[in-house]
Amino acid sequence: MTKRTRTQWQWPFIKVSLLCLAIGMVVGCGQKGPLYLPEPEPETTQTKPVDSEQATHERARLEQSLLNHQQLQLVQEEHAKR
């Protein structure tokens, strides 16, 4: 019977230890917590009622802006024809 040296009997122990470590790492990895992100809660914003005079001014301002834009397009088309 041959006498085993110190490194010869350590290799099986090292292999088993590395195998256990690898298994532990594989088992330990994984997603923790819920599988899906929770849906965001809808933000509740309080809107104050707009008085009719302010709404009328806003509508007039938007209409004027639209007219200005249309006039600008017509001028640009006429300029492009020249």
Protein backbone atom coordinates (compact mmCIF):
# COMPACT_ATOMS: atom_id res chain seq x y z
CA MET A 1 0.00 0.00 0.00
CA THR A 2 1.34 3.38 -0.95
CA LYS A 3 1.34 6.31 1.35
CA ARG A 4 -0.68 9.27 0.06
CA THR A 5 0.97 12.64 0.17
CA ARG A 6 -0.77 15.63 1.60
CA THR A 7 -1.72 17.11 -1.80
CA GLN A 8 -3.10 13.78 -3.01
CA TRP A 9 -5.72 13.56 -0.26
CA GLN A 10 -6.55 17.27 -0.50
CA TRP A 11 -7.71 17.18 -4.15
CA PRO A 12 -10.95 15.23 -3.53
CA PHE A 13 -11.76 17.55 -0.62
CA ILE A 14 -11.08 20.64 -2.79
CA LYS A 15 -13.21 19.25 -5.64
CA VAL A 16 -16.14 18.52 -3.32
CA SER A 17 -15.80 21.95 -1.71
CA LEU A 18 -15.80 23.71 -5.10
CA LEU A 19 -18.78 21.64 -6.22
CA CYS A 20 -20.70 22.61 -3.07
CA LEU A 21 -19.76 26.25 -3.55
CA ALA A 22 -20.90 26.19 -7.19
CA ILE A 23 -24.20 24.54 -6.26
CA GLY A 24 -24.71 27.07 -3.48
CA MET A 25 -24.13 29.95 -5.88
CA VAL A 26 -26.54 28.54 -8.45
CA VAL A 27 -29.21 27.92 -5.82
CA GLY A 28 -28.61 31.33 -4.25
CA CYS A 29 -29.02 33.30 -7.47
CA GLY A 30 -32.53 34.15 -8.48
CA GLN A 31 -35.02 36.91 -8.34
CA LYS A 32 -36.19 37.87 -4.91
CA GLY A 33 -39.49 39.61 -4.31
CA PRO A 34 -42.49 39.92 -6.62
CA LEU A 35 -42.19 38.70 -10.19
CA TYR A 36 -43.82 41.78 -11.67
CA LEU A 37 -43.34 45.47 -11.01
CA PRO A 38 -46.26 46.95 -9.12
CA GLU A 39 -48.52 49.22 -11.13
CA PRO A 40 -47.93 52.89 -10.36
CA GLU A 41 -50.63 54.54 -8.33
CA PRO A 42 -52.57 57.12 -10.32
CA GLU A 43 -51.76 60.63 -9.29
CA THR A 44 -54.72 62.55 -8.06
CA THR A 45 -54.62 66.17 -9.04
CA GLN A 46 -57.23 68.65 -8.04
CA THR A 47 -58.26 70.97 -10.80
CA LYS A 48 -59.91 74.19 -9.91
CA PRO A 49 -62.89 75.14 -12.02
CA VAL A 50 -62.12 77.65 -14.74
CA ASP A 51 -64.39 80.64 -14.82
CA SER A 52 -66.18 81.26 -18.07
CA GLU A 53 -64.43 84.58 -18.72
CA GLN A 54 -60.99 82.99 -18.47
CA ALA A 55 -62.10 80.13 -20.74
CA THR A 56 -63.41 82.63 -23.30
CA HIS A 57 -60.11 84.51 -23.33
CA GLU A 58 -58.16 81.26 -23.67
CA ARG A 59 -60.34 80.13 -26.58
CA ALA A 60 -59.93 83.50 -28.33
CA ARG A 61 -56.17 83.36 -27.85
CA LEU A 62 -56.00 79.86 -29.34
CA GLU A 63 -58.18 80.85 -32.31
CA GLN A 64 -55.98 83.88 -32.98
CA SER A 65 -52.89 81.70 -32.82
CA LEU A 66 -54.43 79.28 -35.33
CA LEU A 67 -55.31 82.15 -37.68
CA ASN A 68 -51.78 83.53 -37.44
CA HIS A 69 -50.37 80.10 -38.25
CA GLN A 70 -52.67 79.71 -41.27
CA GLN A 71 -51.75 83.18 -42.53
CA LEU A 72 -48.06 82.39 -42.15
CA GLN A 73 -48.50 79.20 -44.20
CA LEU A 74 -50.27 81.14 -46.97
CA VAL A 75 -47.49 83.74 -47.09
CA GLN A 76 -44.85 81.02 -47.23
CA GLU A 77 -46.71 79.24 -50.08
CA GLU A 78 -46.98 82.48 -52.05
CA HIS A 79 -43.30 83.19 -51.49
CA ALA A 80 -42.39 79.67 -52.65
CA LYS A 81 -44.37 80.18 -55.90
CA ARG A 82 -42.35 83.29 -56.80
